[in-house]
Amino acid sequence: LSALRHPCVGDLTYGADPVLAQRLGVDRQWLHAKR
């Protein structure tokens, strides 16, 4: 996702915008093993 220039929200290690993460209240990568 980082290579596509669309990193997971909150994933600062891979280039996410820290300002957007803060606005959304995210303090880790928004990624969940759903199924």
PDB file of all heavy atoms in Angstrom:
ATOM      1  N   LEU A   1       0.833  -1.209   0.000  1.00  0.00           N
ATOM      2  CA  LEU A   1       0.000   0.000   0.000  1.00  0.00           C
ATOM      3  C   LEU A   1       0.868   1.259   0.000  1.00  0.00           C
ATOM      4  O   LEU A   1       0.537   2.252  -0.656  1.00  0.00           O
ATOM      5  CB  LEU A   1      -0.947  -0.016   1.196  1.00  0.00           C
ATOM      6  CG  LEU A   1      -2.040  -1.069   1.134  1.00  0.00           C
ATOM      7  CD1 LEU A   1      -2.828  -1.111   2.440  1.00  0.00           C
ATOM      8  CD2 LEU A   1      -2.990  -0.821  -0.037  1.00  0.00           C
ATOM      9  N   SER A   2       1.966   1.221   0.720  1.00  0.00           N
ATOM     10  CA  SER A   2       2.884   2.354   0.704  1.00  0.00           C
ATOM     11  C   SER A   2       3.464   2.560  -0.686  1.00  0.00           C
ATOM     12  O   SER A   2       3.616   3.701  -1.149  1.00  0.00           O
ATOM     13  CB  SER A   2       4.000   2.120   1.724  1.00  0.00           C
ATOM     14  OG  SER A   2       4.956   3.160   1.691  1.00  0.00           O
ATOM     15  N   ALA A   3       3.788   1.462  -1.378  1.00  0.00           N
ATOM     16  CA  ALA A   3       4.338   1.560  -2.728  1.00  0.00           C
ATOM     17  C   ALA A   3       3.335   2.172  -3.695  1.00  0.00           C
ATOM     18  O   ALA A   3       3.722   2.832  -4.671  1.00  0.00           O
ATOM     19  CB  ALA A   3       4.767   0.182  -3.219  1.00  0.00           C
ATOM     20  N   LEU A   4       2.030   1.985  -3.412  1.00  0.00           N
ATOM     21  CA  LEU A   4       0.981   2.583  -4.238  1.00  0.00           C
ATOM     22  C   LEU A   4       0.713   4.043  -3.859  1.00  0.00           C
ATOM     23  O   LEU A   4      -0.141   4.692  -4.459  1.00  0.00           O
ATOM     24  CB  LEU A   4      -0.318   1.786  -4.095  1.00  0.00           C
ATOM     25  CG  LEU A   4      -0.325   0.359  -4.654  1.00  0.00           C
ATOM     26  CD1 LEU A   4      -1.670  -0.308  -4.351  1.00  0.00           C
ATOM     27  CD2 LEU A   4      -0.055   0.360  -6.158  1.00  0.00           C
ATOM     28  N   ARG A   5       1.419   4.534  -2.854  1.00  0.00           N
ATOM     29  CA  ARG A   5       1.235   5.892  -2.317  1.00  0.00           C
ATOM     30  C   ARG A   5      -0.105   6.049  -1.596  1.00  0.00           C
ATOM     31  O   ARG A   5      -0.670   7.132  -1.515  1.00  0.00           O
ATOM     32  CB  ARG A   5       1.353   6.960  -3.422  1.00  0.00           C
ATOM     33  CG  ARG A   5       2.674   6.928  -4.180  1.00  0.00           C
ATOM     34  CD  ARG A   5       3.827   7.325  -3.276  1.00  0.00           C
ATOM     35  NE  ARG A   5       5.065   7.495  -4.026  1.00  0.00           N
ATOM     36  CZ  ARG A   5       5.981   6.562  -4.223  1.00  0.00           C
ATOM     37  NH1 ARG A   5       5.780   5.342  -3.708  1.00  0.00           N
ATOM     38  NH2 ARG A   5       7.079   6.794  -4.902  1.00  0.00           N
ATOM     39  N   HIS A   6      -0.609   4.951  -1.062  1.00  0.00           N
ATOM     40  CA  HIS A   6      -1.836   4.956  -0.259  1.00  0.00           C
ATOM     41  C   HIS A   6      -1.604   4.144   1.009  1.00  0.00           C
ATOM     42  O   HIS A   6      -2.204   3.075   1.196  1.00  0.00           O
ATOM     43  CB  HIS A   6      -3.016   4.382  -1.054  1.00  0.00           C
ATOM     44  CG  HIS A   6      -3.387   5.172  -2.255  1.00  0.00           C
ATOM     45  ND1 HIS A   6      -4.105   6.352  -2.176  1.00  0.00           N
ATOM     46  CD2 HIS A   6      -3.121   4.979  -3.567  1.00  0.00           C
ATOM     47  CE1 HIS A   6      -4.280   6.834  -3.390  1.00  0.00           C
ATOM     48  NE2 HIS A   6      -3.692   6.032  -4.255  1.00  0.00           N
ATOM     49  N   PRO A   7      -0.716   4.613   1.901  1.00  0.00           N
ATOM     50  CA  PRO A   7      -0.411   3.834   3.102  1.00  0.00           C
ATOM     51  C   PRO A   7      -1.613   3.698   4.027  1.00  0.00           C
ATOM     52  O   PRO A   7      -2.569   4.494   3.959  1.00  0.00           O
ATOM     53  CB  PRO A   7       0.701   4.654   3.767  1.00  0.00           C
ATOM     54  CG  PRO A   7       0.472   6.057   3.296  1.00  0.00           C
ATOM     55  CD  PRO A   7      -0.021   5.910   1.874  1.00  0.00           C
ATOM     56  N   CYS A   8      -1.570   2.691   4.879  1.00  0.00           N
ATOM     57  CA  CYS A   8      -2.601   2.562   5.907  1.00  0.00           C
ATOM     58  C   CYS A   8      -2.605   3.821   6.763  1.00  0.00           C
ATOM     59  O   CYS A   8      -1.544   4.333   7.141  1.00  0.00           O
ATOM     60  CB  CYS A   8      -2.319   1.362   6.808  1.00  0.00           C
ATOM     61  SG  CYS A   8      -2.411  -0.249   6.026  1.00  0.00           S
ATOM     62  N   VAL A   9      -3.791   4.318   7.071  1.00  0.00           N
ATOM     63  CA  VAL A   9      -3.905   5.454   7.972  1.00  0.00           C
ATOM     64  C   VAL A   9      -3.190   5.108   9.283  1.00  0.00           C
ATOM     65  O   VAL A   9      -3.355   4.019   9.832  1.00  0.00           O
ATOM     66  CB  VAL A   9      -5.383   5.789   8.232  1.00  0.00           C
ATOM     67  CG1 VAL A   9      -5.514   6.799   9.377  1.00  0.00           C
ATOM     68  CG2 VAL A   9      -6.042   6.328   6.963  1.00  0.00           C
ATOM     69  N   GLY A  10      -2.358   6.006   9.758  1.00  0.00           N
ATOM     70  CA  GLY A  10      -1.657   5.800  11.017  1.00  0.00           C
ATOM     71  C   GLY A  10      -0.357   5.044  10.926  1.00  0.00           C
ATOM     72  O   GLY A  10       0.367   4.930  11.918  1.00  0.00           O
ATOM     73  N   ASP A  11      -0.021   4.535   9.730  1.00  0.00           N
ATOM     74  CA  ASP A  11       1.202   3.745   9.584  1.00  0.00           C
ATOM     75  C   ASP A  11       2.382   4.673   9.276  1.00  0.00           C
ATOM     76  O   ASP A  11       2.848   4.771   8.138  1.00  0.00           O
ATOM     77  CB  ASP A  11       1.035   2.709   8.483  1.00  0.00           C
ATOM     78  CG  ASP A  11       2.136   1.660   8.482  1.00  0.00           C
ATOM     79  OD1 ASP A  11       3.051   1.771   9.320  1.00  0.00           O
ATOM     80  OD2 ASP A  11       2.078   0.733   7.650  1.00  0.00           O
ATOM     81  N   LEU A  12       2.890   5.334  10.307  1.00  0.00           N
ATOM     82  CA  LEU A  12       3.944   6.326  10.124  1.00  0.00           C
ATOM     83  C   LEU A  12       5.235   5.703   9.614  1.00  0.00           C
ATOM     84  O   LEU A  12       6.010   6.362   8.919  1.00  0.00           O
ATOM     85  CB  LEU A  12       4.195   7.061  11.441  1.00  0.00           C
ATOM     86  CG  LEU A  12       2.967   7.709  12.114  1.00  0.00           C
ATOM     87  CD1 LEU A  12       3.412   8.570  13.291  1.00  0.00           C
ATOM     88  CD2 LEU A  12       2.160   8.522  11.119  1.00  0.00           C
ATOM     89  N   THR A  13       5.469   4.435   9.927  1.00  0.00           N
ATOM     90  CA  THR A  13       6.674   3.753   9.448  1.00  0.00           C
ATOM     91  C   THR A  13       6.708   3.708   7.925  1.00  0.00           C
ATOM     92  O   THR A  13       7.767   3.795   7.311  1.00  0.00           O
ATOM     93  CB  THR A  13       6.741   2.323  10.007  1.00  0.00           C
ATOM     94  OG1 THR A  13       6.818   2.389  11.426  1.00  0.00           O
ATOM     95  CG2 THR A  13       7.952   1.562   9.471  1.00  0.00           C
ATOM     96  N   TYR A  14       5.536   3.595   7.307  1.00  0.00           N
ATOM     97  CA  TYR A  14       5.460   3.451   5.853  1.00  0.00           C
ATOM     98  C   TYR A  14       4.831   4.664   5.171  1.00  0.00           C
ATOM     99  O   TYR A  14       4.205   4.535   4.130  1.00  0.00           O
ATOM    100  CB  TYR A  14       4.725   2.157   5.496  1.00  0.00           C
ATOM    101  CG  TYR A  14       5.587   0.936   5.758  1.00  0.00           C
ATOM    102  CD1 TYR A  14       5.405   0.160   6.899  1.00  0.00           C
ATOM    103  CD2 TYR A  14       6.616   0.588   4.891  1.00  0.00           C
ATOM    104  CE1 TYR A  14       6.215  -0.943   7.153  1.00  0.00           C
ATOM    105  CE2 TYR A  14       7.422  -0.517   5.133  1.00  0.00           C
ATOM    106  CZ  TYR A  14       7.216  -1.273   6.259  1.00  0.00           C
ATOM    107  OH  TYR A  14       8.033  -2.365   6.506  1.00  0.00           O
ATOM    108  N   GLY A  15       5.026   5.833   5.761  1.00  0.00           N
ATOM    109  CA  GLY A  15       4.711   7.066   5.053  1.00  0.00           C
ATOM    110  C   GLY A  15       3.356   7.676   5.271  1.00  0.00           C
ATOM    111  O   GLY A  15       2.963   8.592   4.529  1.00  0.00           O
ATOM    112  N   ALA A  16       2.605   7.233   6.262  1.00  0.00           N
ATOM    113  CA  ALA A  16       1.295   7.828   6.516  1.00  0.00           C
ATOM    114  C   ALA A  16       1.435   9.257   7.045  1.00  0.00           C
ATOM    115  O   ALA A  16       2.451   9.616   7.644  1.00  0.00           O
ATOM    116  CB  ALA A  16       0.507   6.977   7.507  1.00  0.00           C
ATOM    117  N   ASP A  17       0.400  10.054   6.821  1.00  0.00           N
ATOM    118  CA  ASP A  17       0.371  11.446   7.252  1.00  0.00           C
ATOM    119  C   ASP A  17       0.052  11.510   8.748  1.00  0.00           C
ATOM    120  O   ASP A  17      -1.052  11.131   9.150  1.00  0.00           O
ATOM    121  CB  ASP A  17      -0.694  12.196   6.450  1.00  0.00           C
ATOM    122  CG  ASP A  17      -0.809  13.655   6.839  1.00  0.00           C
ATOM    123  OD1 ASP A  17      -0.077  14.109   7.740  1.00  0.00           O
ATOM    124  OD2 ASP A  17      -1.666  14.350   6.245  1.00  0.00           O
ATOM    125  N   PRO A  18       0.970  11.980   9.590  1.00  0.00           N
ATOM    126  CA  PRO A  18       0.697  12.015  11.033  1.00  0.00           C
ATOM    127  C   PRO A  18      -0.420  12.977  11.407  1.00  0.00           C
ATOM    128  O   PRO A  18      -1.119  12.766  12.405  1.00  0.00           O
ATOM    129  CB  PRO A  18       2.039  12.449  11.630  1.00  0.00           C
ATOM    130  CG  PRO A  18       2.767  13.134  10.515  1.00  0.00           C
ATOM    131  CD  PRO A  18       2.323  12.452   9.259  1.00  0.00           C
ATOM    132  N   VAL A  19      -0.616  14.023  10.604  1.00  0.00           N
ATOM    133  CA  VAL A  19      -1.688  14.988  10.896  1.00  0.00           C
ATOM    134  C   VAL A  19      -3.047  14.328  10.700  1.00  0.00           C
ATOM    135  O   VAL A  19      -3.958  14.463  11.531  1.00  0.00           O
ATOM    136  CB  VAL A  19      -1.549  16.238  10.001  1.00  0.00           C
ATOM    137  CG1 VAL A  19      -2.729  17.176  10.222  1.00  0.00           C
ATOM    138  CG2 VAL A  19      -0.231  16.945  10.278  1.00  0.00           C
ATOM    139  N   LEU A  20      -3.217  13.587   9.599  1.00  0.00           N
ATOM    140  CA  LEU A  20      -4.479  12.889   9.357  1.00  0.00           C
ATOM    141  C   LEU A  20      -4.717  11.844  10.441  1.00  0.00           C
ATOM    142  O   LEU A  20      -5.844  11.711  10.945  1.00  0.00           O
ATOM    143  CB  LEU A  20      -4.460  12.225   7.981  1.00  0.00           C
ATOM    144  CG  LEU A  20      -5.716  11.413   7.620  1.00  0.00           C
ATOM    145  CD1 LEU A  20      -6.947  12.300   7.608  1.00  0.00           C
ATOM    146  CD2 LEU A  20      -5.537  10.704   6.281  1.00  0.00           C
ATOM    147  N   ALA A  21      -3.688  11.117  10.814  1.00  0.00           N
ATOM    148  CA  ALA A  21      -3.840  10.106  11.859  1.00  0.00           C
ATOM    149  C   ALA A  21      -4.329  10.737  13.154  1.00  0.00           C
ATOM    150  O   ALA A  21      -5.228  10.213  13.829  1.00  0.00           O
ATOM    151  CB  ALA A  21      -2.511   9.381  12.086  1.00  0.00           C
ATOM    152  N   GLN A  22      -3.768  11.889  13.489  1.00  0.00           N
ATOM    153  CA  GLN A  22      -4.172  12.574  14.717  1.00  0.00           C
ATOM    154  C   GLN A  22      -5.619  13.049  14.620  1.00  0.00           C
ATOM    155  O   GLN A  22      -6.389  12.931  15.585  1.00  0.00           O
ATOM    156  CB  GLN A  22      -3.241  13.753  14.987  1.00  0.00           C
ATOM    157  CG  GLN A  22      -3.507  14.462  16.309  1.00  0.00           C
ATOM    158  CD  GLN A  22      -2.490  15.556  16.584  1.00  0.00           C
ATOM    159  OE1 GLN A  22      -1.932  16.140  15.668  1.00  0.00           O
ATOM    160  NE2 GLN A  22      -2.232  15.832  17.845  1.00  0.00           N
ATOM    161  N   ARG A  23      -6.007  13.576  13.464  1.00  0.00           N
ATOM    162  CA  ARG A  23      -7.384  14.049  13.282  1.00  0.00           C
ATOM    163  C   ARG A  23      -8.396  12.917  13.423  1.00  0.00           C
ATOM    164  O   ARG A  23      -9.518  13.122  13.892  1.00  0.00           O
ATOM    165  CB  ARG A  23      -7.540  14.694  11.904  1.00  0.00           C
ATOM    166  CG  ARG A  23      -6.841  16.037  11.765  1.00  0.00           C
ATOM    167  CD  ARG A  23      -6.917  16.537  10.343  1.00  0.00           C
ATOM    168  NE  ARG A  23      -8.284  16.736   9.892  1.00  0.00           N
ATOM    169  CZ  ARG A  23      -8.628  16.976   8.622  1.00  0.00           C
ATOM    170  NH1 ARG A  23      -7.684  17.034   7.697  1.00  0.00           N
ATOM    171  NH2 ARG A  23      -9.882  17.165   8.297  1.00  0.00           N
ATOM    172  N   LEU A  24      -7.998  11.721  13.017  1.00  0.00           N
ATOM    173  CA  LEU A  24      -8.911  10.575  13.069  1.00  0.00           C
ATOM    174  C   LEU A  24      -8.767   9.779  14.362  1.00  0.00           C
ATOM    175  O   LEU A  24      -9.493   8.802  14.571  1.00  0.00           O
ATOM    176  CB  LEU A  24      -8.669   9.659  11.869  1.00  0.00           C
ATOM    177  CG  LEU A  24      -8.863  10.294  10.488  1.00  0.00           C
ATOM    178  CD1 LEU A  24      -8.638   9.264   9.393  1.00  0.00           C
ATOM    179  CD2 LEU A  24     -10.256  10.902  10.362  1.00  0.00           C
ATOM    180  N   GLY A  25      -7.822  10.164  15.214  1.00  0.00           N
ATOM    181  CA  GLY A  25      -7.637   9.459  16.478  1.00  0.00           C
ATOM    182  C   GLY A  25      -7.003   8.097  16.333  1.00  0.00           C
ATOM    183  O   GLY A  25      -7.288   7.191  17.115  1.00  0.00           O
ATOM    184  N   VAL A  26      -6.134   7.953  15.352  1.00  0.00           N
ATOM    185  CA  VAL A  26      -5.479   6.667  15.096  1.00  0.00           C
ATOM    186  C   VAL A  26      -4.036   6.737  15.575  1.00  0.00           C
ATOM    187  O   VAL A  26      -3.292   7.623  15.154  1.00  0.00           O
ATOM    188  CB  VAL A  26      -5.507   6.315  13.592  1.00  0.00           C
ATOM    189  CG1 VAL A  26      -4.816   4.982  13.334  1.00  0.00           C
ATOM    190  CG2 VAL A  26      -6.938   6.277  13.079  1.00  0.00           C
ATOM    191  N   ASP A  27      -3.619   5.795  16.436  1.00  0.00           N
ATOM    192  CA  ASP A  27      -2.239   5.809  16.909  1.00  0.00           C
ATOM    193  C   ASP A  27      -1.494   4.527  16.547  1.00  0.00           C
ATOM    194  O   ASP A  27      -0.501   4.162  17.178  1.00  0.00           O
ATOM    195  CB  ASP A  27      -2.174   6.057  18.419  1.00  0.00           C
ATOM    196  CG  ASP A  27      -2.937   5.020  19.226  1.00  0.00           C
ATOM    197  OD1 ASP A  27      -3.426   4.020  18.626  1.00  0.00           O
ATOM    198  OD2 ASP A  27      -3.048   5.191  20.455  1.00  0.00           O
ATOM    199  N   ARG A  28      -1.988   3.830  15.516  1.00  0.00           N
ATOM    200  CA  ARG A  28      -1.300   2.648  14.968  1.00  0.00           C
ATOM    201  C   ARG A  28      -1.808   2.454  13.552  1.00  0.00           C
ATOM    202  O   ARG A  28      -2.752   3.137  13.118  1.00  0.00           O
ATOM    203  CB  ARG A  28      -1.559   1.417  15.822  1.00  0.00           C
ATOM    204  CG  ARG A  28      -3.054   1.135  16.112  1.00  0.00           C
ATOM    205  CD  ARG A  28      -3.570  -0.109  15.457  1.00  0.00           C
ATOM    206  NE  ARG A  28      -4.791  -0.614  16.065  1.00  0.00           N
ATOM    207  CZ  ARG A  28      -5.367  -1.753  15.730  1.00  0.00           C
ATOM    208  NH1 ARG A  28      -4.839  -2.503  14.788  1.00  0.00           N
ATOM    209  NH2 ARG A  28      -6.485  -2.142  16.322  1.00  0.00           N
ATOM    210  N   GLN A  29      -1.214   1.526  12.810  1.00  0.00           N
ATOM    211  CA  GLN A  29      -1.704   1.308  11.451  1.00  0.00           C
ATOM    212  C   GLN A  29      -3.134   0.766  11.490  1.00  0.00           C
ATOM    213  O   GLN A  29      -3.448  -0.121  12.280  1.00  0.00           O
ATOM    214  CB  GLN A  29      -0.793   0.351  10.671  1.00  0.00           C
ATOM    215  CG  GLN A  29      -0.756  -1.083  11.176  1.00  0.00           C
ATOM    216  CD  GLN A  29       0.515  -1.382  11.923  1.00  0.00           C
ATOM    217  OE1 GLN A  29       1.198  -0.467  12.379  1.00  0.00           O
ATOM    218  NE2 GLN A  29       0.858  -2.662  12.044  1.00  0.00           N
ATOM    219  N   TRP A  30      -3.992   1.333  10.611  1.00  0.00           N
ATOM    220  CA  TRP A  30      -5.389   0.875  10.559  1.00  0.00           C
ATOM    221  C   TRP A  30      -5.406  -0.373   9.674  1.00  0.00           C
ATOM    222  O   TRP A  30      -5.599  -0.312   8.457  1.00  0.00           O
ATOM    223  CB  TRP A  30      -6.291   1.960   9.973  1.00  0.00           C
ATOM    224  CG  TRP A  30      -7.732   1.890  10.402  1.00  0.00           C
ATOM    225  CD1 TRP A  30      -8.406   2.791  11.169  1.00  0.00           C
ATOM    226  CD2 TRP A  30      -8.691   0.879  10.044  1.00  0.00           C
ATOM    227  NE1 TRP A  30      -9.728   2.405  11.329  1.00  0.00           N
ATOM    228  CE2 TRP A  30      -9.925   1.232  10.655  1.00  0.00           C
ATOM    229  CE3 TRP A  30      -8.653  -0.297   9.298  1.00  0.00           C
ATOM    230  CZ2 TRP A  30     -11.090   0.462  10.525  1.00  0.00           C
ATOM    231  CZ3 TRP A  30      -9.796  -1.074   9.174  1.00  0.00           C
ATOM    232  CH2 TRP A  30     -11.001  -0.691   9.773  1.00  0.00           C
ATOM    233  N   LEU A  31      -5.209  -1.521  10.332  1.00  0.00           N
ATOM    234  CA  LEU A  31      -5.125  -2.791   9.609  1.00  0.00           C
ATOM    235  C   LEU A  31      -5.610  -3.889  10.538  1.00  0.00           C
ATOM    236  O   LEU A  31      -5.135  -4.016  11.665  1.00  0.00           O
ATOM    237  CB  LEU A  31      -3.679  -3.061   9.176  1.00  0.00           C
ATOM    238  CG  LEU A  31      -3.413  -4.346   8.395  1.00  0.00           C
ATOM    239  CD1 LEU A  31      -4.187  -4.367   7.081  1.00  0.00           C
ATOM    240  CD2 LEU A  31      -1.912  -4.508   8.127  1.00  0.00           C
ATOM    241  N   HIS A  32      -6.569  -4.689  10.043  1.00  0.00           N
ATOM    242  CA  HIS A  32      -7.203  -5.693  10.895  1.00  0.00           C
ATOM    243  C   HIS A  32      -7.389  -6.985  10.121  1.00  0.00           C
ATOM    244  O   HIS A  32      -7.895  -6.978   8.983  1.00  0.00           O
ATOM    245  CB  HIS A  32      -8.562  -5.164  11.369  1.00  0.00           C
ATOM    246  CG  HIS A  32      -9.274  -6.069  12.332  1.00  0.00           C
ATOM    247  ND1 HIS A  32      -8.806  -6.327  13.596  1.00  0.00           N
ATOM    248  CD2 HIS A  32     -10.425  -6.781  12.209  1.00  0.00           C
ATOM    249  CE1 HIS A  32      -9.641  -7.141  14.223  1.00  0.00           C
ATOM    250  NE2 HIS A  32     -10.623  -7.443  13.397  1.00  0.00           N
ATOM    251  N   ALA A  33      -6.958  -8.115  10.724  1.00  0.00           N
ATOM    252  CA  ALA A  33      -7.170  -9.439  10.120  1.00  0.00           C
ATOM    253  C   ALA A  33      -8.621  -9.836  10.361  1.00  0.00           C
ATOM    254  O   ALA A  33      -8.975 -10.370  11.419  1.00  0.00           O
ATOM    255  CB  ALA A  33      -6.214 -10.454  10.731  1.00  0.00           C
ATOM    256  N   LYS A  34      -9.446  -9.577   9.371  1.00  0.00           N
ATOM    257  CA  LYS A  34     -10.892  -9.642   9.517  1.00  0.00           C
ATOM    258  C   LYS A  34     -11.450 -11.063   9.423  1.00  0.00           C
ATOM    259  O   LYS A  34     -12.389 -11.425  10.127  1.00  0.00           O
ATOM    260  CB  LYS A  34     -11.516  -8.761   8.417  1.00  0.00           C
ATOM    261  CG  LYS A  34     -13.029  -8.770   8.332  1.00  0.00           C
ATOM    262  CD  LYS A  34     -13.663  -8.046   9.488  1.00  0.00           C
ATOM    263  CE  LYS A  34     -15.164  -7.922   9.296  1.00  0.00           C
ATOM    264  NZ  LYS A  34     -15.836  -7.452  10.523  1.00  0.00           N
ATOM    265  N   ARG A  35     -10.904 -11.855   8.519  1.00  0.00           N
ATOM    266  CA  ARG A  35     -11.480 -13.176   8.253  1.00  0.00           C
ATOM    267  C   ARG A  35     -10.366 -14.186   7.991  1.00  0.00           C
ATOM    268  O   ARG A  35      -9.363 -13.871   7.351  1.00  0.00           O
ATOM    269  CB  ARG A  35     -12.429 -13.097   7.057  1.00  0.00           C
ATOM    270  CG  ARG A  35     -13.313 -14.293   6.844  1.00  0.00           C
ATOM    271  CD  ARG A  35     -14.535 -13.937   5.992  1.00  0.00           C
ATOM    272  NE  ARG A  35     -14.205 -13.279   4.738  1.00  0.00           N
ATOM    273  CZ  ARG A  35     -14.489 -12.002   4.463  1.00  0.00           C
ATOM    274  NH1 ARG A  35     -15.103 -11.241   5.357  1.00  0.00           N
ATOM    275  NH2 ARG A  35     -14.159 -11.480   3.307  1.00  0.00           N
TER     276      ARG A  35
END
